[in-house]
């Protein structure tokens, strides 16, 4: 599952930053990278810190308490949390993703409704959006380090 924060006029912004010089372009690249890394960490924290208020079941000799619908998935084996990856996709582009087949099922639920949505990604992106905008604004103002 890849998550994207889109800006209207991104190509224009990239072009404008290039024209302002290499320092401005490097600052924008740092802002994008920091945002992607923080998004990755926020998603992982949501998995770790979700209330365990759902079903109780035994797996592998251990009792697991799942999250209830509308809360991020509770950590069971840690596989989902450790699958959240950060990748640079370009000079000013990053991707935060999970290659696990069931990651989108947990985030959005399944069509048959056997799995109810347990969002972590969408709330993390929404929480990160104003931070990213503030960083890019600071880059344009020349105050982002």
Protein backbone atom coordinates (compact mmCIF):
# COMPACT_ATOMS: atom_id res chain seq x y z
CA UNK A 1 0.00 0.00 0.00
CA UNK A 2 1.57 3.30 -1.03
CA UNK A 3 0.46 6.58 0.45
CA UNK A 4 0.83 9.84 -1.46
CA UNK A 5 0.52 13.45 -0.42
CA UNK A 6 -0.21 15.46 -3.55
CA UNK A 7 0.21 19.18 -4.10
CA UNK A 8 -1.49 21.02 -6.91
CA UNK A 9 1.15 22.45 -9.19
CA UNK A 10 3.95 20.19 -7.95
CA UNK A 11 5.84 20.44 -11.26
CA UNK A 12 5.68 24.23 -11.02
CA UNK A 13 6.92 24.15 -7.43
CA UNK A 14 9.82 21.88 -8.38
CA UNK A 15 10.73 24.15 -11.27
CA UNK A 16 10.53 27.26 -9.07
CA UNK A 17 12.72 25.67 -6.39
CA UNK A 18 15.31 24.71 -9.01
CA UNK A 19 15.41 28.28 -10.28
CA UNK A 20 16.05 29.57 -6.74
CA UNK A 21 19.28 27.64 -6.53
CA UNK A 22 20.76 24.42 -5.23
CA UNK A 23 20.39 25.39 -1.55
CA UNK A 24 16.63 25.83 -1.92
CA UNK A 25 16.32 22.60 -3.88
CA UNK A 26 18.34 20.71 -1.24
CA UNK A 27 16.15 22.16 1.53
CA UNK A 28 13.01 20.99 -0.29
CA UNK A 29 14.51 17.53 -0.73
CA UNK A 30 15.27 17.38 3.02
CA UNK A 31 11.71 18.51 3.83
CA UNK A 32 10.24 15.77 1.64
CA UNK A 33 12.54 13.11 3.14
CA UNK A 34 11.81 14.17 6.73
CA UNK A 35 8.08 14.10 6.03
CA UNK A 36 8.26 10.60 4.54
CA UNK A 37 10.32 9.26 7.43
CA UNK A 38 7.98 10.83 9.98
CA UNK A 39 4.98 9.39 8.15
CA UNK A 40 6.55 5.92 8.31
CA UNK A 41 7.19 6.28 12.04
CA UNK A 42 3.70 7.66 12.72
CA UNK A 43 2.05 4.68 11.02
CA UNK A 44 4.20 2.26 13.03
CA UNK A 45 3.33 4.11 16.28
CA UNK A 46 -0.37 3.89 15.46
CA UNK A 47 -0.04 0.11 15.19
CA UNK A 48 1.86 -0.06 18.48
CA UNK A 49 -0.27 2.38 20.49
CA UNK A 50 -3.77 1.40 19.39
CA UNK A 51 -6.23 0.43 22.11
CA UNK A 52 -6.63 -3.34 22.34
CA UNK A 53 -10.39 -3.39 22.78
CA UNK A 54 -11.42 -5.99 20.22
CA UNK A 55 -11.69 -9.75 20.18
CA UNK A 56 -9.46 -11.95 22.34
CA UNK A 57 -8.02 -15.08 20.81
CA UNK A 58 -5.23 -17.55 21.32
CA UNK A 59 -2.51 -17.87 18.69
CA UNK A 60 0.65 -19.89 19.13
CA UNK A 61 0.10 -20.34 22.84
CA UNK A 62 -0.28 -16.59 23.42
CA UNK A 63 -3.41 -14.56 23.93
CA UNK A 64 -3.83 -11.64 21.55
CA UNK A 65 -6.35 -8.84 22.00
CA UNK A 66 -7.18 -7.31 18.64
CA UNK A 67 -8.11 -3.70 18.04
CA UNK A 68 -11.75 -2.86 17.54
CA UNK A 69 -12.93 -1.51 14.18
CA UNK A 70 -12.04 2.15 13.51
CA UNK A 71 -8.81 1.80 15.53
CA UNK A 72 -5.47 0.97 13.95
CA UNK A 73 -4.64 -2.76 13.93
CA UNK A 74 -3.11 -4.00 17.18
CA UNK A 75 0.32 -5.59 16.93
CA UNK A 76 0.16 -9.38 17.00
CA UNK A 77 3.30 -10.74 15.35
CA UNK A 78 4.85 -7.38 14.41
CA UNK A 79 4.92 -8.34 10.73
CA UNK A 80 2.55 -5.56 9.63
CA UNK A 81 4.38 -2.88 11.61
CA UNK A 82 7.79 -3.95 10.31
CA UNK A 83 6.45 -4.00 6.73
CA UNK A 84 6.00 -0.21 6.67
CA UNK A 85 8.85 0.96 4.46
CA UNK A 86 10.28 4.31 3.34
CA UNK A 87 11.80 4.63 -0.13
CA UNK A 88 13.15 7.60 -2.04
CA UNK A 89 11.38 7.71 -5.40
CA UNK A 90 13.16 10.74 -6.83
CA UNK A 91 14.93 13.91 -5.82
CA UNK A 92 11.78 15.37 -4.27
CA UNK A 93 9.63 12.29 -4.02
CA UNK A 94 9.30 9.51 -1.46
CA UNK A 95 7.03 6.50 -1.05
CA UNK A 96 5.85 4.99 2.21
CA UNK A 97 4.46 1.52 1.58
CA UNK A 98 3.71 -1.98 2.75
CA UNK A 99 3.97 -4.93 0.41
CA UNK A 100 1.83 -7.14 2.63
CA UNK A 101 -1.28 -8.30 0.83
CA UNK A 102 -3.45 -7.80 3.90
CA UNK A 103 -2.32 -4.23 4.74
CA UNK A 104 -5.06 -2.58 2.63
CA UNK A 105 -7.64 -5.05 3.97
CA UNK A 106 -6.90 -3.87 7.50
CA UNK A 107 -6.83 -0.20 6.49
CA UNK A 108 -10.04 -0.14 4.44
CA UNK A 109 -11.82 -3.38 5.36
CA UNK A 110 -12.83 -6.12 2.95
CA UNK A 111 -15.71 -6.06 0.48
CA UNK A 112 -17.42 -8.93 2.28
CA UNK A 113 -17.13 -6.92 5.53
CA UNK A 114 -15.48 -9.83 7.35
CA UNK A 115 -12.71 -7.39 8.20
CA UNK A 116 -13.88 -3.94 9.27
CA UNK A 117 -11.64 -0.91 8.55
CA UNK A 118 -8.84 -0.32 11.04
CA UNK A 119 -7.22 2.82 9.64
CA UNK A 120 -3.67 3.84 10.47
CA UNK A 121 -2.40 5.19 7.13
CA UNK A 122 -5.13 7.69 6.30
CA UNK A 123 -5.10 9.34 9.77
CA UNK A 124 -1.29 9.45 9.65
CA UNK A 125 -1.32 11.16 6.24
CA UNK A 126 -3.95 13.65 7.41
CA UNK A 127 -1.87 14.44 10.51
CA UNK A 128 1.27 14.87 8.38
CA UNK A 129 -0.30 17.11 5.73
CA UNK A 130 -0.10 20.42 7.69
CA UNK A 131 3.46 19.61 8.79
CA UNK A 132 4.50 19.03 5.19
CA UNK A 133 2.85 22.24 4.04
CA UNK A 134 4.60 24.15 6.85
CA UNK A 135 7.95 22.66 5.82
CA UNK A 136 7.50 23.58 2.15
CA UNK A 137 6.35 27.06 3.18
CA UNK A 138 9.52 27.42 5.27
CA UNK A 139 11.61 26.21 2.31
CA UNK A 140 10.08 28.87 0.07
CA UNK A 141 10.61 31.52 2.79
CA UNK A 142 14.24 30.40 3.09
CA UNK A 143 13.90 29.48 6.77
CA UNK A 144 13.92 25.67 6.54
CA UNK A 145 17.15 24.07 7.62
